[in-house]
Amino acid sequence: MIINILIITLVFGYSGWMIYRHTQKGKEGACAGCDKGKTCPAASMDSPLSCSGNTLSGKH
């Protein structure tokens, strides 16, 4: 009985942590929340697909 309660607590705790983490990364923005932000070509400031919203011409 105690083992079942422990397992259920762990599952719900982990689920809650993942939801919290997902919402926090979502608030940071697409590139800031991405694990590949440093190697992604779209995260580059020179890219027209840059997550910073700046394009090569400087117009948005």
N, C-alpha and C. Protein backbone atom coordinates (compact mmCIF):
# COMPACT_ATOMS: atom_id res chain seq x y z
N MET A 1 0.82 -1.18 0.00
CA MET A 1 0.00 0.00 0.00
C MET A 1 0.88 1.26 0.00
N ILE A 2 1.91 1.28 0.84
CA ILE A 2 2.79 2.44 0.89
C ILE A 2 3.57 2.57 -0.41
N ILE A 3 3.96 1.45 -1.00
CA ILE A 3 4.69 1.48 -2.28
C ILE A 3 3.81 2.12 -3.36
N ASN A 4 2.54 1.77 -3.41
CA ASN A 4 1.63 2.35 -4.40
C ASN A 4 1.51 3.85 -4.23
N ILE A 5 1.38 4.30 -3.01
CA ILE A 5 1.28 5.74 -2.74
C ILE A 5 2.58 6.44 -3.14
N LEU A 6 3.70 5.83 -2.86
CA LEU A 6 4.99 6.41 -3.23
C LEU A 6 5.14 6.52 -4.75
N ILE A 7 4.76 5.47 -5.46
CA ILE A 7 4.85 5.49 -6.93
C ILE A 7 3.93 6.55 -7.52
N ILE A 8 2.70 6.62 -7.02
CA ILE A 8 1.75 7.63 -7.52
C ILE A 8 2.26 9.04 -7.23
N THR A 9 2.82 9.24 -6.04
CA THR A 9 3.38 10.54 -5.69
C THR A 9 4.54 10.91 -6.61
N LEU A 10 5.40 9.96 -6.90
CA LEU A 10 6.52 10.22 -7.81
C LEU A 10 6.04 10.56 -9.22
N VAL A 11 5.05 9.84 -9.72
CA VAL A 11 4.54 10.09 -11.07
C VAL A 11 3.92 11.48 -11.15
N PHE A 12 3.06 11.83 -10.19
CA PHE A 12 2.43 13.15 -10.21
C PHE A 12 3.44 14.26 -9.95
N GLY A 13 4.41 14.02 -9.09
CA GLY A 13 5.45 15.02 -8.85
C GLY A 13 6.27 15.29 -10.09
N TYR A 14 6.66 14.24 -10.79
CA TYR A 14 7.45 14.40 -12.02
C TYR A 14 6.62 15.09 -13.10
N SER A 15 5.35 14.73 -13.21
CA SER A 15 4.48 15.37 -14.19
C SER A 15 4.33 16.86 -13.90
N GLY A 16 4.16 17.19 -12.65
CA GLY A 16 4.05 18.60 -12.26
C GLY A 16 5.32 19.37 -12.55
N TRP A 17 6.46 18.75 -12.28
CA TRP A 17 7.76 19.39 -12.56
C TRP A 17 7.93 19.63 -14.06
N MET A 18 7.56 18.67 -14.89
CA MET A 18 7.69 18.83 -16.34
C MET A 18 6.77 19.93 -16.87
N ILE A 19 5.56 20.01 -16.34
CA ILE A 19 4.64 21.08 -16.76
C ILE A 19 5.20 22.43 -16.34
N TYR A 20 5.70 22.54 -15.12
CA TYR A 20 6.29 23.79 -14.65
C TYR A 20 7.48 24.20 -15.51
N ARG A 21 8.36 23.24 -15.80
CA ARG A 21 9.55 23.51 -16.61
C ARG A 21 9.17 23.94 -18.03
N HIS A 22 8.17 23.28 -18.59
CA HIS A 22 7.71 23.62 -19.93
C HIS A 22 7.15 25.04 -19.98
N THR A 23 6.38 25.43 -18.99
CA THR A 23 5.83 26.79 -18.99
C THR A 23 6.92 27.83 -18.77
N GLN A 24 7.91 27.54 -17.95
CA GLN A 24 9.00 28.49 -17.75
C GLN A 24 9.82 28.67 -19.03
N LYS A 25 10.08 27.59 -19.75
CA LYS A 25 10.82 27.71 -21.01
C LYS A 25 9.98 28.42 -22.06
N GLY A 26 8.69 28.24 -22.02
CA GLY A 26 7.81 28.92 -22.96
C GLY A 26 7.81 30.43 -22.76
N LYS A 27 7.96 30.87 -21.52
CA LYS A 27 8.01 32.30 -21.23
C LYS A 27 9.30 32.93 -21.72
N GLU A 28 10.37 32.14 -21.84
CA GLU A 28 11.67 32.67 -22.28
C GLU A 28 11.68 32.98 -23.77
N GLY A 29 10.82 32.36 -24.53
CA GLY A 29 10.80 32.54 -25.97
C GLY A 29 11.31 31.30 -26.67
N ALA A 30 11.18 31.30 -27.98
CA ALA A 30 11.50 30.10 -28.75
C ALA A 30 12.98 29.73 -28.66
N CYS A 31 13.87 30.66 -28.92
CA CYS A 31 15.30 30.32 -28.94
C CYS A 31 15.88 30.22 -27.54
N ALA A 32 15.42 31.03 -26.62
CA ALA A 32 15.95 30.98 -25.26
C ALA A 32 15.58 29.68 -24.57
N GLY A 33 14.42 29.14 -24.91
CA GLY A 33 13.98 27.91 -24.30
C GLY A 33 14.47 26.66 -25.00
N CYS A 34 15.10 26.81 -26.13
CA CYS A 34 15.55 25.68 -26.93
C CYS A 34 16.91 25.19 -26.45
N ASP A 35 17.07 23.88 -26.38
CA ASP A 35 18.35 23.31 -25.96
C ASP A 35 19.44 23.49 -27.01
N LYS A 36 19.07 23.72 -28.27
CA LYS A 36 20.03 23.83 -29.35
C LYS A 36 20.28 25.28 -29.74
N GLY A 37 19.99 26.22 -28.87
CA GLY A 37 20.10 27.64 -29.18
C GLY A 37 21.49 28.07 -29.63
N LYS A 38 22.54 27.43 -29.12
CA LYS A 38 23.89 27.84 -29.48
C LYS A 38 24.35 27.30 -30.83
N THR A 39 23.77 26.20 -31.28
CA THR A 39 24.21 25.61 -32.53
C THR A 39 23.20 25.78 -33.66
N CYS A 40 22.04 26.31 -33.36
CA CYS A 40 20.98 26.45 -34.36
C CYS A 40 21.26 27.64 -35.27
N PRO A 41 21.22 27.45 -36.59
CA PRO A 41 21.48 28.58 -37.49
C PRO A 41 20.40 29.64 -37.40
N ALA A 42 19.18 29.28 -37.02
CA ALA A 42 18.12 30.27 -36.90
C ALA A 42 18.34 31.19 -35.71
N ALA A 43 19.12 30.76 -34.73
CA ALA A 43 19.39 31.58 -33.55
C ALA A 43 20.48 32.62 -33.82
N SER A 44 21.16 32.50 -34.94
CA SER A 44 22.22 33.43 -35.29
C SER A 44 21.63 34.82 -35.55
N MET A 45 22.34 35.84 -35.14
CA MET A 45 21.88 37.21 -35.36
C MET A 45 21.87 37.57 -36.84
N ASP A 46 22.67 36.88 -37.66
CA ASP A 46 22.76 37.18 -39.08
C ASP A 46 21.64 36.53 -39.89
N SER A 47 20.97 35.57 -39.30
CA SER A 47 19.98 34.81 -40.03
C SER A 47 18.68 35.58 -40.20
N PRO A 48 18.06 35.51 -41.40
CA PRO A 48 16.74 36.13 -41.57
C PRO A 48 15.67 35.42 -40.74
N LEU A 49 15.99 34.22 -40.26
CA LEU A 49 15.07 33.47 -39.43
C LEU A 49 15.36 33.67 -37.95
N SER A 50 16.15 34.69 -37.64
CA SER A 50 16.60 34.91 -36.27
C SER A 50 15.43 35.04 -35.31
N CYS A 51 15.58 34.46 -34.17
CA CYS A 51 14.54 34.52 -33.14
C CYS A 51 14.47 35.89 -32.48
N SER A 52 15.46 36.72 -32.70
CA SER A 52 15.46 38.04 -32.09
C SER A 52 14.50 38.98 -32.80
N GLY A 53 13.98 38.57 -33.95
CA GLY A 53 13.03 39.40 -34.67
C GLY A 53 13.68 40.35 -35.65
N ASN A 54 14.99 40.45 -35.64
CA ASN A 54 15.69 41.33 -36.58
C ASN A 54 15.96 40.59 -37.87
N THR A 55 15.77 41.27 -38.97
CA THR A 55 16.11 40.70 -40.26
C THR A 55 17.40 41.32 -40.76
N LEU A 56 17.89 40.84 -41.87
CA LEU A 56 19.13 41.39 -42.41
C LEU A 56 19.01 42.85 -42.76
N SER A 57 17.84 43.28 -43.22
CA SER A 57 17.67 44.68 -43.61
C SER A 57 17.36 45.57 -42.41
N GLY A 58 17.12 44.98 -41.26
CA GLY A 58 16.84 45.76 -40.07
C GLY A 58 15.38 46.11 -39.92
N LYS A 59 14.56 45.76 -40.90
CA LYS A 59 13.13 46.04 -40.84
C LYS A 59 12.42 44.81 -40.34
N HIS A 60 11.38 45.01 -39.60
CA HIS A 60 10.63 43.87 -39.08
C HIS A 60 9.28 43.80 -39.70
